C-alpha cells in the first residue's frame, strides 16, 4: 500500500483488526452470508467495512 505514514496506518489496522493476519472477507462474501456491516475510514481516508 502506498501511504504517507506507514507506521500510523499499520498501528491503526492492527488495532482495528485485533492483530488478525488473515485477509478480510470480500463484500460478496458478506452479502452472501447476509451480514450487516459498517463502513469506516482509516487515518488517511481509505474506507473499510466492519461486520
PDB file of N, CA and C in Angstrom:
ATOM      1  N   UNK A   1       0.832  -1.175   0.000  1.00  0.00           N
ATOM      2  CA  UNK A   1       0.000   0.000   0.000  1.00  0.00           C
ATOM      3  C   UNK A   1       0.879   1.242   0.000  1.00  0.00           C
ATOM      4  N   UNK A   2       0.481   2.216  -0.774  1.00  0.00           N
ATOM      5  CA  UNK A   2       1.173   3.485  -0.779  1.00  0.00           C
ATOM      6  C   UNK A   2       0.487   4.406   0.225  1.00  0.00           C
ATOM      7  N   UNK A   3       1.258   4.997   1.134  1.00  0.00           N
ATOM      8  CA  UNK A   3       0.677   5.893   2.134  1.00  0.00           C
ATOM      9  C   UNK A   3       1.742   6.850   2.644  1.00  0.00           C
ATOM     10  N   UNK A   4       1.291   7.933   3.252  1.00  0.00           N
ATOM     11  CA  UNK A   4       2.209   8.958   3.751  1.00  0.00           C
ATOM     12  C   UNK A   4       2.905   8.524   5.036  1.00  0.00           C
ATOM     13  N   UNK A   5       2.217   7.750   5.891  1.00  0.00           N
ATOM     14  CA  UNK A   5       2.769   7.366   7.189  1.00  0.00           C
ATOM     15  C   UNK A   5       2.490   5.887   7.447  1.00  0.00           C
ATOM     16  N   UNK A   6       3.348   4.986   6.938  1.00  0.00           N
ATOM     17  CA  UNK A   6       3.086   3.549   7.050  1.00  0.00           C
ATOM     18  C   UNK A   6       2.961   3.044   8.492  1.00  0.00           C
ATOM     19  N   UNK A   7       3.737   3.588   9.409  1.00  0.00           N
ATOM     20  CA  UNK A   7       3.643   3.123  10.799  1.00  0.00           C
ATOM     21  C   UNK A   7       2.301   3.481  11.415  1.00  0.00           C
ATOM     22  N   UNK A   8       1.808   4.685  11.118  1.00  0.00           N
ATOM     23  CA  UNK A   8       0.497   5.084  11.634  1.00  0.00           C
ATOM     24  C   UNK A   8      -0.596   4.191  11.060  1.00  0.00           C
ATOM     25  N   UNK A   9      -0.507   3.915   9.764  1.00  0.00           N
ATOM     26  CA  UNK A   9      -1.508   3.057   9.127  1.00  0.00           C
ATOM     27  C   UNK A   9      -1.432   1.636   9.694  1.00  0.00           C
ATOM     28  N   UNK A  10      -0.232   1.109   9.879  1.00  0.00           N
ATOM     29  CA  UNK A  10      -0.084  -0.242  10.425  1.00  0.00           C
ATOM     30  C   UNK A  10      -0.648  -0.328  11.843  1.00  0.00           C
ATOM     31  N   UNK A  11      -0.378   0.689  12.666  1.00  0.00           N
ATOM     32  CA  UNK A  11      -0.906   0.698  14.028  1.00  0.00           C
ATOM     33  C   UNK A  11      -2.427   0.754  14.032  1.00  0.00           C
ATOM     34  N   UNK A  12      -2.997   1.556  13.151  1.00  0.00           N
ATOM     35  CA  UNK A  12      -4.450   1.655  13.052  1.00  0.00           C
ATOM     36  C   UNK A  12      -5.067   0.308  12.690  1.00  0.00           C
ATOM     37  N   UNK A  13      -4.543  -0.329  11.631  1.00  0.00           N
ATOM     38  CA  UNK A  13      -5.116  -1.592  11.175  1.00  0.00           C
ATOM     39  C   UNK A  13      -4.876  -2.720  12.182  1.00  0.00           C
ATOM     40  N   UNK A  14      -3.749  -2.723  12.853  1.00  0.00           N
ATOM     41  CA  UNK A  14      -3.504  -3.747  13.873  1.00  0.00           C
ATOM     42  C   UNK A  14      -4.548  -3.642  14.977  1.00  0.00           C
ATOM     43  N   UNK A  15      -4.860  -2.417  15.404  1.00  0.00           N
ATOM     44  CA  UNK A  15      -5.875  -2.215  16.431  1.00  0.00           C
ATOM     45  C   UNK A  15      -7.266  -2.546  15.899  1.00  0.00           C
ATOM     46  N   UNK A  16      -7.582  -2.049  14.708  1.00  0.00           N
ATOM     47  CA  UNK A  16      -8.907  -2.271  14.126  1.00  0.00           C
ATOM     48  C   UNK A  16      -9.201  -3.749  13.890  1.00  0.00           C
ATOM     49  N   UNK A  17      -8.173  -4.513  13.521  1.00  0.00           N
ATOM     50  CA  UNK A  17      -8.369  -5.926  13.195  1.00  0.00           C
ATOM     51  C   UNK A  17      -7.997  -6.867  14.329  1.00  0.00           C
ATOM     52  N   UNK A  18      -7.614  -6.329  15.465  1.00  0.00           N
ATOM     53  CA  UNK A  18      -7.249  -7.193  16.584  1.00  0.00           C
ATOM     54  C   UNK A  18      -6.041  -8.049  16.268  1.00  0.00           C
ATOM     55  N   UNK A  19      -5.113  -7.534  15.457  1.00  0.00           N
ATOM     56  CA  UNK A  19      -3.878  -8.218  15.073  1.00  0.00           C
ATOM     57  C   UNK A  19      -4.130  -9.482  14.258  1.00  0.00           C
ATOM     58  N   UNK A  20      -5.241  -9.553  13.563  1.00  0.00           N
ATOM     59  CA  UNK A  20      -5.511 -10.699  12.703  1.00  0.00           C
ATOM     60  C   UNK A  20      -4.649 -10.613  11.453  1.00  0.00           C
ATOM     61  N   UNK A  21      -4.095 -11.747  11.042  1.00  0.00           N
ATOM     62  CA  UNK A  21      -3.267 -11.765   9.840  1.00  0.00           C
ATOM     63  C   UNK A  21      -4.019 -12.284   8.625  1.00  0.00           C
ATOM     64  N   UNK A  22      -5.194 -12.833   8.820  1.00  0.00           N
ATOM     65  CA  UNK A  22      -5.975 -13.343   7.695  1.00  0.00           C
ATOM     66  C   UNK A  22      -6.595 -12.176   6.931  1.00  0.00           C
ATOM     67  N   UNK A  23      -6.713 -12.290   5.604  1.00  0.00           N
ATOM     68  CA  UNK A  23      -7.332 -11.200   4.843  1.00  0.00           C
ATOM     69  C   UNK A  23      -8.815 -11.086   5.178  1.00  0.00           C
ATOM     70  N   UNK A  24      -9.369  -9.861   5.152  1.00  0.00           N
ATOM     71  CA  UNK A  24     -10.784  -9.686   5.450  1.00  0.00           C
ATOM     72  C   UNK A  24     -11.646 -10.276   4.343  1.00  0.00           C
ATOM     73  N   UNK A  25     -12.881 -10.648   4.656  1.00  0.00           N
ATOM     74  CA  UNK A  25     -13.769 -11.179   3.610  1.00  0.00           C
ATOM     75  C   UNK A  25     -14.118 -10.085   2.613  1.00  0.00           C
ATOM     76  N   UNK A  26     -14.424 -10.478   1.393  1.00  0.00           N
ATOM     77  CA  UNK A  26     -14.824  -9.503   0.371  1.00  0.00           C
ATOM     78  C   UNK A  26     -16.275  -9.097   0.607  1.00  0.00           C
ATOM     79  N   UNK A  27     -16.684  -8.036  -0.044  1.00  0.00           N
ATOM     80  CA  UNK A  27     -18.067  -7.580   0.055  1.00  0.00           C
ATOM     81  C   UNK A  27     -19.054  -8.653  -0.375  1.00  0.00           C
ATOM     82  N   UNK A  28     -18.675  -9.441  -1.396  1.00  0.00           N
ATOM     83  CA  UNK A  28     -19.557 -10.503  -1.872  1.00  0.00           C
ATOM     84  C   UNK A  28     -19.745 -11.585  -0.815  1.00  0.00           C
ATOM     85  N   UNK A  29     -18.672 -11.916  -0.081  1.00  0.00           N
ATOM     86  CA  UNK A  29     -18.785 -12.933   0.972  1.00  0.00           C
ATOM     87  C   UNK A  29     -19.715 -12.459   2.075  1.00  0.00           C
ATOM     88  N   UNK A  30     -19.674 -11.160   2.423  1.00  0.00           N
ATOM     89  CA  UNK A  30     -20.558 -10.625   3.464  1.00  0.00           C
ATOM     90  C   UNK A  30     -22.005 -10.641   2.991  1.00  0.00           C
ATOM     91  N   UNK A  31     -22.231 -10.209   1.700  1.00  0.00           N
ATOM     92  CA  UNK A  31     -23.594 -10.148   1.170  1.00  0.00           C
ATOM     93  C   UNK A  31     -24.196 -11.546   1.106  1.00  0.00           C
ATOM     94  N   UNK A  32     -23.409 -12.635   0.643  1.00  0.00           N
ATOM     95  CA  UNK A  32     -23.937 -13.996   0.555  1.00  0.00           C
ATOM     96  C   UNK A  32     -24.270 -14.544   1.929  1.00  0.00           C
ATOM     97  N   UNK A  33     -23.533 -14.052   2.987  1.00  0.00           N
ATOM     98  CA  UNK A  33     -23.783 -14.531   4.347  1.00  0.00           C
ATOM     99  C   UNK A  33     -24.918 -13.758   5.012  1.00  0.00           C
ATOM    100  N   UNK A  34     -25.395 -12.669   4.381  1.00  0.00           N
ATOM    101  CA  UNK A  34     -26.479 -11.876   4.950  1.00  0.00           C
ATOM    102  C   UNK A  34     -26.074 -11.089   6.179  1.00  0.00           C
ATOM    103  N   UNK A  35     -24.790 -10.697   6.293  1.00  0.00           N
ATOM    104  CA  UNK A  35     -24.299  -9.970   7.460  1.00  0.00           C
ATOM    105  C   UNK A  35     -24.416  -8.464   7.259  1.00  0.00           C
ATOM    106  N   UNK A  36     -24.707  -7.748   8.336  1.00  0.00           N
ATOM    107  CA  UNK A  36     -24.703  -6.291   8.307  1.00  0.00           C
ATOM    108  C   UNK A  36     -23.283  -5.802   8.541  1.00  0.00           C
ATOM    109  N   UNK A  37     -22.980  -4.620   8.018  1.00  0.00           N
ATOM    110  CA  UNK A  37     -21.654  -4.065   8.224  1.00  0.00           C
ATOM    111  C   UNK A  37     -21.698  -2.543   8.305  1.00  0.00           C
ATOM    112  N   UNK A  38     -20.642  -1.971   8.839  1.00  0.00           N
ATOM    113  CA  UNK A  38     -20.474  -0.534   8.954  1.00  0.00           C
ATOM    114  C   UNK A  38     -19.236  -0.157   8.167  1.00  0.00           C
ATOM    115  N   UNK A  39     -19.298   0.927   7.419  1.00  0.00           N
ATOM    116  CA  UNK A  39     -18.156   1.409   6.652  1.00  0.00           C
ATOM    117  C   UNK A  39     -17.485   2.537   7.430  1.00  0.00           C
ATOM    118  N   UNK A  40     -16.168   2.440   7.605  1.00  0.00           N
ATOM    119  CA  UNK A  40     -15.401   3.474   8.286  1.00  0.00           C
ATOM    120  C   UNK A  40     -14.243   3.915   7.417  1.00  0.00           C
ATOM    121  N   UNK A  41     -13.400   4.785   7.963  1.00  0.00           N
ATOM    122  CA  UNK A  41     -12.218   5.253   7.252  1.00  0.00           C
ATOM    123  C   UNK A  41     -11.004   5.199   8.166  1.00  0.00           C
ATOM    124  N   UNK A  42      -9.841   4.842   7.575  1.00  0.00           N
ATOM    125  CA  UNK A  42      -8.597   4.881   8.338  1.00  0.00           C
ATOM    126  C   UNK A  42      -8.097   6.332   8.387  1.00  0.00           C
ATOM    127  N   UNK A  43      -6.976   6.596   9.075  1.00  0.00           N
ATOM    128  CA  UNK A  43      -6.500   7.973   9.213  1.00  0.00           C
ATOM    129  C   UNK A  43      -6.219   8.698   7.892  1.00  0.00           C
ATOM    130  N   UNK A  44      -6.041   7.977   6.817  1.00  0.00           N
ATOM    131  CA  UNK A  44      -5.777   8.622   5.521  1.00  0.00           C
ATOM    132  C   UNK A  44      -7.000   8.645   4.620  1.00  0.00           C
ATOM    133  N   UNK A  45      -8.174   8.284   5.147  1.00  0.00           N
ATOM    134  CA  UNK A  45      -9.413   8.360   4.386  1.00  0.00           C
ATOM    135  C   UNK A  45      -9.759   7.130   3.570  1.00  0.00           C
ATOM    136  N   UNK A  46      -9.004   6.036   3.712  1.00  0.00           N
ATOM    137  CA  UNK A  46      -9.316   4.800   2.991  1.00  0.00           C
ATOM    138  C   UNK A  46     -10.460   4.090   3.702  1.00  0.00           C
ATOM    139  N   UNK A  47     -11.449   3.662   2.928  1.00  0.00           N
ATOM    140  CA  UNK A  47     -12.622   3.019   3.518  1.00  0.00           C
ATOM    141  C   UNK A  47     -12.362   1.565   3.878  1.00  0.00           C
ATOM    142  N   UNK A  48     -13.064   1.084   4.928  1.00  0.00           N
ATOM    143  CA  UNK A  48     -13.031  -0.318   5.316  1.00  0.00           C
ATOM    144  C   UNK A  48     -14.388  -0.657   5.906  1.00  0.00           C
ATOM    145  N   UNK A  49     -14.721  -1.940   5.911  1.00  0.00           N
ATOM    146  CA  UNK A  49     -16.002  -2.411   6.458  1.00  0.00           C
ATOM    147  C   UNK A  49     -15.756  -3.267   7.697  1.00  0.00           C
ATOM    148  N   UNK A  50     -16.651  -3.150   8.659  1.00  0.00           N
ATOM    149  CA  UNK A  50     -16.596  -3.950   9.876  1.00  0.00           C
ATOM    150  C   UNK A  50     -17.912  -4.676   9.995  1.00  0.00           C
ATOM    151  N   UNK A  51     -17.848  -5.999  10.151  1.00  0.00           N
ATOM    152  CA  UNK A  51     -19.064  -6.812  10.301  1.00  0.00           C
ATOM    153  C   UNK A  51     -19.457  -6.825  11.742  1.00  0.00           C
TER     154      UNK A  51
END
